């Protein structure tokens, strides 16, 4: 099953700042869209933020993509990053990308 992608303005801005990583980012984005449950981690609480309903995917050792799958996000009432209103269940909303510490400090 292929999922549909939505990119937040924050994700797009961060993506533009990492030109040397863009090919690797795109590769992982395509993997997520093909199967967002494989090689991704379900998040709960990190760095003082409630990431319930969100997932992360690794790009290399210290780089992450944070995203939500609308089907999963809707089932988590505590999700603070739900942008799924009006979107189908097969939509993946990409929230941010960047080095581990900066990605988890997004807001």
PDB file of N, CA and C in Angstrom:
ATOM      1  N   UNK A   1       0.846  -1.186   0.000  1.00  0.00           N
ATOM      2  CA  UNK A   1       0.000   0.000   0.000  1.00  0.00           C
ATOM      3  C   UNK A   1       0.887   1.244   0.000  1.00  0.00           C
ATOM      4  N   UNK A   2       0.601   2.148  -0.874  1.00  0.00           N
ATOM      5  CA  UNK A   2       1.338   3.401  -0.917  1.00  0.00           C
ATOM      6  C   UNK A   2       0.524   4.470  -0.202  1.00  0.00           C
ATOM      7  N   UNK A   3       1.189   5.221   0.635  1.00  0.00           N
ATOM      8  CA  UNK A   3       0.542   6.285   1.385  1.00  0.00           C
ATOM      9  C   UNK A   3       0.735   7.627   0.682  1.00  0.00           C
ATOM     10  N   UNK A   4      -0.113   8.548   1.026  1.00  0.00           N
ATOM     11  CA  UNK A   4      -0.068   9.902   0.475  1.00  0.00           C
ATOM     12  C   UNK A   4       0.732  10.787   1.419  1.00  0.00           C
ATOM     13  N   UNK A   5       1.523  11.700   0.881  1.00  0.00           N
ATOM     14  CA  UNK A   5       2.391  12.552   1.702  1.00  0.00           C
ATOM     15  C   UNK A   5       1.859  13.978   1.787  1.00  0.00           C
ATOM     16  N   UNK A   6       1.947  14.527   2.999  1.00  0.00           N
ATOM     17  CA  UNK A   6       1.708  15.949   3.251  1.00  0.00           C
ATOM     18  C   UNK A   6       2.939  16.435   4.016  1.00  0.00           C
ATOM     19  N   UNK A   7       3.482  17.566   3.613  1.00  0.00           N
ATOM     20  CA  UNK A   7       4.674  18.120   4.260  1.00  0.00           C
ATOM     21  C   UNK A   7       4.307  19.430   4.940  1.00  0.00           C
ATOM     22  N   UNK A   8       4.574  19.521   6.246  1.00  0.00           N
ATOM     23  CA  UNK A   8       4.318  20.778   6.946  1.00  0.00           C
ATOM     24  C   UNK A   8       5.334  21.829   6.483  1.00  0.00           C
ATOM     25  N   UNK A   9       5.000  23.079   6.706  1.00  0.00           N
ATOM     26  CA  UNK A   9       5.921  24.169   6.354  1.00  0.00           C
ATOM     27  C   UNK A   9       7.232  24.012   7.120  1.00  0.00           C
ATOM     28  N   UNK A  10       7.148  23.546   8.354  1.00  0.00           N
ATOM     29  CA  UNK A  10       8.352  23.341   9.163  1.00  0.00           C
ATOM     30  C   UNK A  10       9.253  22.274   8.527  1.00  0.00           C
ATOM     31  N   UNK A  11       8.656  21.173   8.080  1.00  0.00           N
ATOM     32  CA  UNK A  11       9.428  20.116   7.418  1.00  0.00           C
ATOM     33  C   UNK A  11      10.103  20.669   6.162  1.00  0.00           C
ATOM     34  N   UNK A  12       9.356  21.377   5.348  1.00  0.00           N
ATOM     35  CA  UNK A  12       9.901  21.911   4.101  1.00  0.00           C
ATOM     36  C   UNK A  12      11.058  22.875   4.356  1.00  0.00           C
ATOM     37  N   UNK A  13      10.909  23.706   5.366  1.00  0.00           N
ATOM     38  CA  UNK A  13      11.978  24.656   5.701  1.00  0.00           C
ATOM     39  C   UNK A  13      13.233  23.922   6.155  1.00  0.00           C
ATOM     40  N   UNK A  14      13.057  22.926   7.028  1.00  0.00           N
ATOM     41  CA  UNK A  14      14.199  22.150   7.527  1.00  0.00           C
ATOM     42  C   UNK A  14      14.849  21.348   6.386  1.00  0.00           C
ATOM     43  N   UNK A  15      14.041  20.788   5.511  1.00  0.00           N
ATOM     44  CA  UNK A  15      14.545  20.021   4.372  1.00  0.00           C
ATOM     45  C   UNK A  15      15.467  20.894   3.509  1.00  0.00           C
ATOM     46  N   UNK A  16      15.076  22.127   3.263  1.00  0.00           N
ATOM     47  CA  UNK A  16      15.874  23.033   2.442  1.00  0.00           C
ATOM     48  C   UNK A  16      17.224  23.349   3.070  1.00  0.00           C
ATOM     49  N   UNK A  17      17.326  23.317   4.389  1.00  0.00           N
ATOM     50  CA  UNK A  17      18.585  23.649   5.059  1.00  0.00           C
ATOM     51  C   UNK A  17      19.605  22.517   4.984  1.00  0.00           C
ATOM     52  N   UNK A  18      19.161  21.320   4.623  1.00  0.00           N
ATOM     53  CA  UNK A  18      20.072  20.163   4.591  1.00  0.00           C
ATOM     54  C   UNK A  18      20.267  19.668   3.160  1.00  0.00           C
ATOM     55  N   UNK A  19      20.807  20.529   2.311  1.00  0.00           N
ATOM     56  CA  UNK A  19      20.966  20.181   0.903  1.00  0.00           C
ATOM     57  C   UNK A  19      21.829  18.946   0.689  1.00  0.00           C
ATOM     58  N   UNK A  20      22.859  18.783   1.489  1.00  0.00           N
ATOM     59  CA  UNK A  20      23.745  17.624   1.310  1.00  0.00           C
ATOM     60  C   UNK A  20      23.067  16.317   1.719  1.00  0.00           C
ATOM     61  N   UNK A  21      21.974  16.389   2.451  1.00  0.00           N
ATOM     62  CA  UNK A  21      21.262  15.190   2.925  1.00  0.00           C
ATOM     63  C   UNK A  21      19.983  14.917   2.140  1.00  0.00           C
ATOM     64  N   UNK A  22      19.634  15.784   1.201  1.00  0.00           N
ATOM     65  CA  UNK A  22      18.329  15.680   0.549  1.00  0.00           C
ATOM     66  C   UNK A  22      18.087  14.342  -0.143  1.00  0.00           C
ATOM     67  N   UNK A  23      19.063  13.785  -0.792  1.00  0.00           N
ATOM     68  CA  UNK A  23      18.870  12.491  -1.467  1.00  0.00           C
ATOM     69  C   UNK A  23      18.567  11.403  -0.445  1.00  0.00           C
ATOM     70  N   UNK A  24      19.272  11.416   0.677  1.00  0.00           N
ATOM     71  CA  UNK A  24      19.034  10.422   1.729  1.00  0.00           C
ATOM     72  C   UNK A  24      17.664  10.626   2.378  1.00  0.00           C
ATOM     73  N   UNK A  25      17.291  11.881   2.574  1.00  0.00           N
ATOM     74  CA  UNK A  25      15.973  12.190   3.146  1.00  0.00           C
ATOM     75  C   UNK A  25      14.878  11.663   2.215  1.00  0.00           C
ATOM     76  N   UNK A  26      15.000  11.951   0.930  1.00  0.00           N
ATOM     77  CA  UNK A  26      13.997  11.512  -0.047  1.00  0.00           C
ATOM     78  C   UNK A  26      13.881   9.992  -0.085  1.00  0.00           C
ATOM     79  N   UNK A  27      15.001   9.303   0.026  1.00  0.00           N
ATOM     80  CA  UNK A  27      14.984   7.833   0.025  1.00  0.00           C
ATOM     81  C   UNK A  27      14.175   7.307   1.214  1.00  0.00           C
ATOM     82  N   UNK A  28      14.399   7.879   2.386  1.00  0.00           N
ATOM     83  CA  UNK A  28      13.673   7.435   3.585  1.00  0.00           C
ATOM     84  C   UNK A  28      12.200   7.829   3.495  1.00  0.00           C
ATOM     85  N   UNK A  29      11.904   9.006   2.964  1.00  0.00           N
ATOM     86  CA  UNK A  29      10.512   9.417   2.780  1.00  0.00           C
ATOM     87  C   UNK A  29       9.781   8.408   1.899  1.00  0.00           C
ATOM     88  N   UNK A  30      10.403   7.974   0.812  1.00  0.00           N
ATOM     89  CA  UNK A  30       9.775   6.985  -0.070  1.00  0.00           C
ATOM     90  C   UNK A  30       9.567   5.651   0.637  1.00  0.00           C
ATOM     91  N   UNK A  31      10.524   5.248   1.484  1.00  0.00           N
ATOM     92  CA  UNK A  31      10.365   4.022   2.261  1.00  0.00           C
ATOM     93  C   UNK A  31       9.194   4.140   3.228  1.00  0.00           C
ATOM     94  N   UNK A  32       9.074   5.306   3.857  1.00  0.00           N
ATOM     95  CA  UNK A  32       7.965   5.536   4.791  1.00  0.00           C
ATOM     96  C   UNK A  32       6.637   5.474   4.047  1.00  0.00           C
ATOM     97  N   UNK A  33       6.560   6.103   2.884  1.00  0.00           N
ATOM     98  CA  UNK A  33       5.313   6.106   2.125  1.00  0.00           C
ATOM     99  C   UNK A  33       4.937   4.703   1.655  1.00  0.00           C
ATOM    100  N   UNK A  34       5.919   3.870   1.373  1.00  0.00           N
ATOM    101  CA  UNK A  34       5.651   2.494   0.960  1.00  0.00           C
ATOM    102  C   UNK A  34       5.160   1.656   2.140  1.00  0.00           C
ATOM    103  N   UNK A  35       5.762   1.855   3.319  1.00  0.00           N
ATOM    104  CA  UNK A  35       5.364   1.120   4.525  1.00  0.00           C
ATOM    105  C   UNK A  35       5.811   1.897   5.764  1.00  0.00           C
ATOM    106  N   UNK A  36       4.935   2.738   6.305  1.00  0.00           N
ATOM    107  CA  UNK A  36       5.324   3.596   7.430  1.00  0.00           C
ATOM    108  C   UNK A  36       5.517   2.869   8.757  1.00  0.00           C
ATOM    109  N   UNK A  37       5.236   1.585   8.800  1.00  0.00           N
ATOM    110  CA  UNK A  37       5.360   0.828  10.051  1.00  0.00           C
ATOM    111  C   UNK A  37       6.676   0.065  10.149  1.00  0.00           C
ATOM    112  N   UNK A  38       7.388  -0.060   9.026  1.00  0.00           N
ATOM    113  CA  UNK A  38       8.650  -0.796   9.011  1.00  0.00           C
ATOM    114  C   UNK A  38       9.812   0.169   9.171  1.00  0.00           C
ATOM    115  N   UNK A  39      10.739  -0.194  10.029  1.00  0.00           N
ATOM    116  CA  UNK A  39      11.942   0.604  10.297  1.00  0.00           C
ATOM    117  C   UNK A  39      11.596   1.999  10.821  1.00  0.00           C
ATOM    118  N   UNK A  40      10.504   2.107  11.572  1.00  0.00           N
ATOM    119  CA  UNK A  40      10.151   3.359  12.222  1.00  0.00           C
ATOM    120  C   UNK A  40       9.868   3.072  13.686  1.00  0.00           C
ATOM    121  N   UNK A  41       9.931   4.101  14.489  1.00  0.00           N
ATOM    122  CA  UNK A  41       9.733   3.949  15.929  1.00  0.00           C
ATOM    123  C   UNK A  41       8.532   4.767  16.364  1.00  0.00           C
ATOM    124  N   UNK A  42       7.656   4.130  17.102  1.00  0.00           N
ATOM    125  CA  UNK A  42       6.520   4.841  17.692  1.00  0.00           C
ATOM    126  C   UNK A  42       7.015   5.644  18.876  1.00  0.00           C
ATOM    127  N   UNK A  43       6.650   6.899  18.928  1.00  0.00           N
ATOM    128  CA  UNK A  43       7.152   7.782  19.982  1.00  0.00           C
ATOM    129  C   UNK A  43       6.114   7.976  21.079  1.00  0.00           C
ATOM    130  N   UNK A  44       6.594   8.307  22.246  1.00  0.00           N
ATOM    131  CA  UNK A  44       5.710   8.581  23.365  1.00  0.00           C
ATOM    132  C   UNK A  44       6.052   9.933  23.970  1.00  0.00           C
ATOM    133  N   UNK A  45       7.147  10.004  24.666  1.00  0.00           N
ATOM    134  CA  UNK A  45       7.521  11.231  25.375  1.00  0.00           C
ATOM    135  C   UNK A  45       9.027  11.390  25.235  1.00  0.00           C
ATOM    136  N   UNK A  46       9.476  12.448  24.599  1.00  0.00           N
ATOM    137  CA  UNK A  46      10.908  12.680  24.408  1.00  0.00           C
ATOM    138  C   UNK A  46      11.222  14.139  24.643  1.00  0.00           C
ATOM    139  N   UNK A  47      12.318  14.389  25.283  1.00  0.00           N
ATOM    140  CA  UNK A  47      12.840  15.749  25.468  1.00  0.00           C
ATOM    141  C   UNK A  47      11.792  16.719  26.014  1.00  0.00           C
ATOM    142  N   UNK A  48      10.957  16.239  26.908  1.00  0.00           N
ATOM    143  CA  UNK A  48       9.956  17.106  27.503  1.00  0.00           C
ATOM    144  C   UNK A  48       8.737  17.370  26.634  1.00  0.00           C
ATOM    145  N   UNK A  49       8.637  16.723  25.476  1.00  0.00           N
ATOM    146  CA  UNK A  49       7.505  16.902  24.576  1.00  0.00           C
ATOM    147  C   UNK A  49       6.695  15.610  24.520  1.00  0.00           C
ATOM    148  N   UNK A  50       5.401  15.759  24.378  1.00  0.00           N
ATOM    149  CA  UNK A  50       4.527  14.601  24.239  1.00  0.00           C
ATOM    150  C   UNK A  50       4.386  14.272  22.755  1.00  0.00           C
ATOM    151  N   UNK A  51       5.053  13.226  22.324  1.00  0.00           N
ATOM    152  CA  UNK A  51       5.013  12.825  20.919  1.00  0.00           C
ATOM    153  C   UNK A  51       4.106  11.624  20.691  1.00  0.00           C
ATOM    154  N   UNK A  52       3.157  11.386  21.607  1.00  0.00           N
ATOM    155  CA  UNK A  52       2.220  10.273  21.411  1.00  0.00           C
ATOM    156  C   UNK A  52       1.504  10.467  20.088  1.00  0.00           C
ATOM    157  N   UNK A  53       1.408   9.407  19.309  1.00  0.00           N
ATOM    158  CA  UNK A  53       0.778   9.473  17.999  1.00  0.00           C
ATOM    159  C   UNK A  53       1.760   9.742  16.874  1.00  0.00           C
ATOM    160  N   UNK A  54       3.001  10.095  17.225  1.00  0.00           N
ATOM    161  CA  UNK A  54       4.031  10.377  16.217  1.00  0.00           C
ATOM    162  C   UNK A  54       4.967   9.188  16.055  1.00  0.00           C
ATOM    163  N   UNK A  55       5.700   9.206  14.975  1.00  0.00           N
ATOM    164  CA  UNK A  55       6.730   8.204  14.693  1.00  0.00           C
ATOM    165  C   UNK A  55       7.998   8.897  14.241  1.00  0.00           C
ATOM    166  N   UNK A  56       9.112   8.178  14.346  1.00  0.00           N
ATOM    167  CA  UNK A  56      10.368   8.700  13.806  1.00  0.00           C
ATOM    168  C   UNK A  56      11.026   7.630  12.951  1.00  0.00           C
ATOM    169  N   UNK A  57      11.815   8.096  12.009  1.00  0.00           N
ATOM    170  CA  UNK A  57      12.602   7.211  11.149  1.00  0.00           C
ATOM    171  C   UNK A  57      14.026   7.744  11.131  1.00  0.00           C
ATOM    172  N   UNK A  58      14.977   6.834  11.127  1.00  0.00           N
ATOM    173  CA  UNK A  58      16.390   7.207  11.111  1.00  0.00           C
ATOM    174  C   UNK A  58      16.873   7.483   9.702  1.00  0.00           C
ATOM    175  N   UNK A  59      17.722   8.489   9.617  1.00  0.00           N
ATOM    176  CA  UNK A  59      18.495   8.733   8.399  1.00  0.00           C
ATOM    177  C   UNK A  59      19.925   8.787   8.907  1.00  0.00           C
ATOM    178  N   UNK A  60      20.621   7.729   8.757  1.00  0.00           N
ATOM    179  CA  UNK A  60      21.963   7.676   9.311  1.00  0.00           C
ATOM    180  C   UNK A  60      21.917   7.558  10.823  1.00  0.00           C
ATOM    181  N   UNK A  61      23.026   7.862  11.427  1.00  0.00           N
ATOM    182  CA  UNK A  61      23.178   7.646  12.862  1.00  0.00           C
ATOM    183  C   UNK A  61      22.486   8.695  13.734  1.00  0.00           C
ATOM    184  N   UNK A  62      22.519   9.944  13.320  1.00  0.00           N
ATOM    185  CA  UNK A  62      22.054  11.024  14.183  1.00  0.00           C
ATOM    186  C   UNK A  62      21.020  11.931  13.512  1.00  0.00           C
ATOM    187  N   UNK A  63      20.321  11.440  12.518  1.00  0.00           N
ATOM    188  CA  UNK A  63      19.372  12.258  11.776  1.00  0.00           C
ATOM    189  C   UNK A  63      18.005  11.580  11.833  1.00  0.00           C
ATOM    190  N   UNK A  64      16.936  12.355  11.995  1.00  0.00           N
ATOM    191  CA  UNK A  64      15.599  11.787  12.128  1.00  0.00           C
ATOM    192  C   UNK A  64      14.577  12.538  11.278  1.00  0.00           C
ATOM    193  N   UNK A  65      13.554  11.787  10.888  1.00  0.00           N
ATOM    194  CA  UNK A  65      12.338  12.350  10.319  1.00  0.00           C
ATOM    195  C   UNK A  65      11.239  12.056  11.328  1.00  0.00           C
ATOM    196  N   UNK A  66      10.461  13.071  11.693  1.00  0.00           N
ATOM    197  CA  UNK A  66       9.303  12.877  12.552  1.00  0.00           C
ATOM    198  C   UNK A  66       8.053  13.041  11.710  1.00  0.00           C
ATOM    199  N   UNK A  67       7.092  12.128  11.906  1.00  0.00           N
ATOM    200  CA  UNK A  67       5.879  12.141  11.096  1.00  0.00           C
ATOM    201  C   UNK A  67       4.721  11.503  11.853  1.00  0.00           C
ATOM    202  N   UNK A  68       3.516  11.689  11.332  1.00  0.00           N
ATOM    203  CA  UNK A  68       2.337  11.005  11.851  1.00  0.00           C
ATOM    204  C   UNK A  68       1.648  10.293  10.694  1.00  0.00           C
ATOM    205  N   UNK A  69       1.041   9.168  11.017  1.00  0.00           N
ATOM    206  CA  UNK A  69       0.189   8.444  10.075  1.00  0.00           C
ATOM    207  C   UNK A  69      -1.234   8.741  10.528  1.00  0.00           C
ATOM    208  N   UNK A  70      -2.035   9.325   9.687  1.00  0.00           N
ATOM    209  CA  UNK A  70      -3.358   9.787  10.114  1.00  0.00           C
ATOM    210  C   UNK A  70      -4.199   8.660  10.727  1.00  0.00           C
ATOM    211  N   UNK A  71      -4.139   7.467  10.175  1.00  0.00           N
ATOM    212  CA  UNK A  71      -4.900   6.335  10.729  1.00  0.00           C
ATOM    213  C   UNK A  71      -4.526   6.110  12.199  1.00  0.00           C
ATOM    214  N   UNK A  72      -3.256   6.156  12.493  1.00  0.00           N
ATOM    215  CA  UNK A  72      -2.752   5.915  13.840  1.00  0.00           C
ATOM    216  C   UNK A  72      -2.972   7.145  14.735  1.00  0.00           C
ATOM    217  N   UNK A  73      -2.766   8.299  14.192  1.00  0.00           N
ATOM    218  CA  UNK A  73      -2.864   9.555  14.932  1.00  0.00           C
ATOM    219  C   UNK A  73      -4.281   9.774  15.467  1.00  0.00           C
ATOM    220  N   UNK A  74      -5.275   9.452  14.663  1.00  0.00           N
ATOM    221  CA  UNK A  74      -6.667   9.652  15.073  1.00  0.00           C
ATOM    222  C   UNK A  74      -7.036   8.797  16.279  1.00  0.00           C
ATOM    223  N   UNK A  75      -6.344   7.703  16.464  1.00  0.00           N
ATOM    224  CA  UNK A  75      -6.638   6.795  17.571  1.00  0.00           C
ATOM    225  C   UNK A  75      -5.923   7.190  18.853  1.00  0.00           C
ATOM    226  N   UNK A  76      -5.113   8.234  18.797  1.00  0.00           N
ATOM    227  CA  UNK A  76      -4.354   8.690  19.967  1.00  0.00           C
ATOM    228  C   UNK A  76      -4.874  10.071  20.382  1.00  0.00           C
ATOM    229  N   UNK A  77      -5.788  10.106  21.357  1.00  0.00           N
ATOM    230  CA  UNK A  77      -6.363  11.391  21.755  1.00  0.00           C
ATOM    231  C   UNK A  77      -5.341  12.386  22.306  1.00  0.00           C
ATOM    232  N   UNK A  78      -4.218  11.891  22.796  1.00  0.00           N
ATOM    233  CA  UNK A  78      -3.203  12.785  23.374  1.00  0.00           C
ATOM    234  C   UNK A  78      -2.247  13.353  22.331  1.00  0.00           C
ATOM    235  N   UNK A  79      -2.466  13.034  21.049  1.00  0.00           N
ATOM    236  CA  UNK A  79      -1.556  13.514  20.004  1.00  0.00           C
ATOM    237  C   UNK A  79      -1.623  15.030  19.893  1.00  0.00           C
ATOM    238  N   UNK A  80      -0.495  15.681  20.102  1.00  0.00           N
ATOM    239  CA  UNK A  80      -0.419  17.141  20.026  1.00  0.00           C
ATOM    240  C   UNK A  80      -0.040  17.633  18.633  1.00  0.00           C
ATOM    241  N   UNK A  81       0.295  16.713  17.746  1.00  0.00           N
ATOM    242  CA  UNK A  81       0.774  17.092  16.415  1.00  0.00           C
ATOM    243  C   UNK A  81      -0.144  16.556  15.327  1.00  0.00           C
ATOM    244  N   UNK A  82      -1.430  16.455  15.623  1.00  0.00           N
ATOM    245  CA  UNK A  82      -2.376  15.906  14.660  1.00  0.00           C
ATOM    246  C   UNK A  82      -2.791  16.999  13.673  1.00  0.00           C
ATOM    247  N   UNK A  83      -2.446  16.788  12.434  1.00  0.00           N
ATOM    248  CA  UNK A  83      -2.833  17.692  11.351  1.00  0.00           C
ATOM    249  C   UNK A  83      -3.725  16.933  10.373  1.00  0.00           C
ATOM    250  N   UNK A  84      -4.452  15.931  10.886  1.00  0.00           N
ATOM    251  CA  UNK A  84      -5.133  14.977  10.023  1.00  0.00           C
ATOM    252  C   UNK A  84      -6.584  15.313   9.699  1.00  0.00           C
ATOM    253  N   UNK A  85      -7.097  16.390  10.239  1.00  0.00           N
ATOM    254  CA  UNK A  85      -8.480  16.732   9.962  1.00  0.00           C
ATOM    255  C   UNK A  85      -8.675  16.944   8.465  1.00  0.00           C
ATOM    256  N   UNK A  86      -9.632  16.230   7.915  1.00  0.00           N
ATOM    257  CA  UNK A  86      -9.927  16.356   6.494  1.00  0.00           C
ATOM    258  C   UNK A  86      -9.024  15.516   5.599  1.00  0.00           C
ATOM    259  N   UNK A  87      -8.097  14.767   6.179  1.00  0.00           N
ATOM    260  CA  UNK A  87      -7.193  13.921   5.397  1.00  0.00           C
ATOM    261  C   UNK A  87      -7.612  12.459   5.527  1.00  0.00           C
ATOM    262  N   UNK A  88      -7.265  11.664   4.536  1.00  0.00           N
ATOM    263  CA  UNK A  88      -7.611  10.241   4.564  1.00  0.00           C
ATOM    264  C   UNK A  88      -6.667   9.479   5.500  1.00  0.00           C
ATOM    265  N   UNK A  89      -7.101   8.302   5.920  1.00  0.00           N
ATOM    266  CA  UNK A  89      -6.317   7.480   6.845  1.00  0.00           C
ATOM    267  C   UNK A  89      -4.951   7.099   6.283  1.00  0.00           C
ATOM    268  N   UNK A  90      -4.827   7.013   4.962  1.00  0.00           N
ATOM    269  CA  UNK A  90      -3.556   6.598   4.362  1.00  0.00           C
ATOM    270  C   UNK A  90      -2.594   7.769   4.144  1.00  0.00           C
ATOM    271  N   UNK A  91      -2.856   8.894   4.792  1.00  0.00           N
ATOM    272  CA  UNK A  91      -1.992  10.068   4.667  1.00  0.00           C
ATOM    273  C   UNK A  91      -0.907  10.045   5.733  1.00  0.00           C
ATOM    274  N   UNK A  92       0.312  10.380   5.324  1.00  0.00           N
ATOM    275  CA  UNK A  92       1.442  10.538   6.243  1.00  0.00           C
ATOM    276  C   UNK A  92       1.798  12.018   6.243  1.00  0.00           C
ATOM    277  N   UNK A  93       1.787  12.619   7.426  1.00  0.00           N
ATOM    278  CA  UNK A  93       2.123  14.034   7.563  1.00  0.00           C
ATOM    279  C   UNK A  93       3.541  14.120   8.105  1.00  0.00           C
ATOM    280  N   UNK A  94       4.440  14.694   7.315  1.00  0.00           N
ATOM    281  CA  UNK A  94       5.839  14.836   7.713  1.00  0.00           C
ATOM    282  C   UNK A  94       5.989  16.136   8.496  1.00  0.00           C
ATOM    283  N   UNK A  95       6.450  16.020   9.741  1.00  0.00           N
ATOM    284  CA  UNK A  95       6.500  17.143  10.670  1.00  0.00           C
ATOM    285  C   UNK A  95       7.825  17.892  10.642  1.00  0.00           C
ATOM    286  N   UNK A  96       8.935  17.164  10.713  1.00  0.00           N
ATOM    287  CA  UNK A  96      10.257  17.801  10.729  1.00  0.00           C
ATOM    288  C   UNK A  96      11.323  16.796  10.331  1.00  0.00           C
ATOM    289  N   UNK A  97      12.496  17.312  10.058  1.00  0.00           N
ATOM    290  CA  UNK A  97      13.654  16.497   9.736  1.00  0.00           C
ATOM    291  C   UNK A  97      14.883  17.229  10.253  1.00  0.00           C
ATOM    292  N   UNK A  98      15.856  16.470  10.719  1.00  0.00           N
ATOM    293  CA  UNK A  98      17.085  17.110  11.188  1.00  0.00           C
ATOM    294  C   UNK A  98      17.871  16.247  12.137  1.00  0.00           C
ATOM    295  N   UNK A  99      18.952  16.794  12.670  1.00  0.00           N
ATOM    296  CA  UNK A  99      19.743  16.076  13.665  1.00  0.00           C
ATOM    297  C   UNK A  99      18.857  15.700  14.853  1.00  0.00           C
ATOM    298  N   UNK A 100      19.157  14.582  15.453  1.00  0.00           N
ATOM    299  CA  UNK A 100      18.352  14.007  16.529  1.00  0.00           C
ATOM    300  C   UNK A 100      17.850  15.052  17.520  1.00  0.00           C
ATOM    301  N   UNK A 101      18.748  15.783  18.166  1.00  0.00           N
ATOM    302  CA  UNK A 101      18.349  16.721  19.216  1.00  0.00           C
ATOM    303  C   UNK A 101      17.452  17.843  18.695  1.00  0.00           C
ATOM    304  N   UNK A 102      17.758  18.363  17.526  1.00  0.00           N
ATOM    305  CA  UNK A 102      16.949  19.459  16.970  1.00  0.00           C
ATOM    306  C   UNK A 102      15.590  18.962  16.503  1.00  0.00           C
ATOM    307  N   UNK A 103      15.538  17.765  15.936  1.00  0.00           N
ATOM    308  CA  UNK A 103      14.270  17.216  15.469  1.00  0.00           C
ATOM    309  C   UNK A 103      13.303  17.050  16.637  1.00  0.00           C
ATOM    310  N   UNK A 104      13.801  16.567  17.765  1.00  0.00           N
ATOM    311  CA  UNK A 104      12.922  16.335  18.918  1.00  0.00           C
ATOM    312  C   UNK A 104      12.589  17.606  19.696  1.00  0.00           C
ATOM    313  N   UNK A 105      13.192  18.715  19.334  1.00  0.00           N
ATOM    314  CA  UNK A 105      12.858  19.985  19.988  1.00  0.00           C
ATOM    315  C   UNK A 105      11.861  20.807  19.164  1.00  0.00           C
ATOM    316  N   UNK A 106      11.383  20.230  18.076  1.00  0.00           N
ATOM    317  CA  UNK A 106      10.468  20.970  17.207  1.00  0.00           C
ATOM    318  C   UNK A 106       9.204  21.422  17.942  1.00  0.00           C
ATOM    319  N   UNK A 107       8.698  22.515  17.516  1.00  0.00           N
ATOM    320  CA  UNK A 107       7.436  23.015  18.048  1.00  0.00           C
ATOM    321  C   UNK A 107       7.018  24.238  17.276  1.00  0.00           C
TER     322      UNK A 107
END
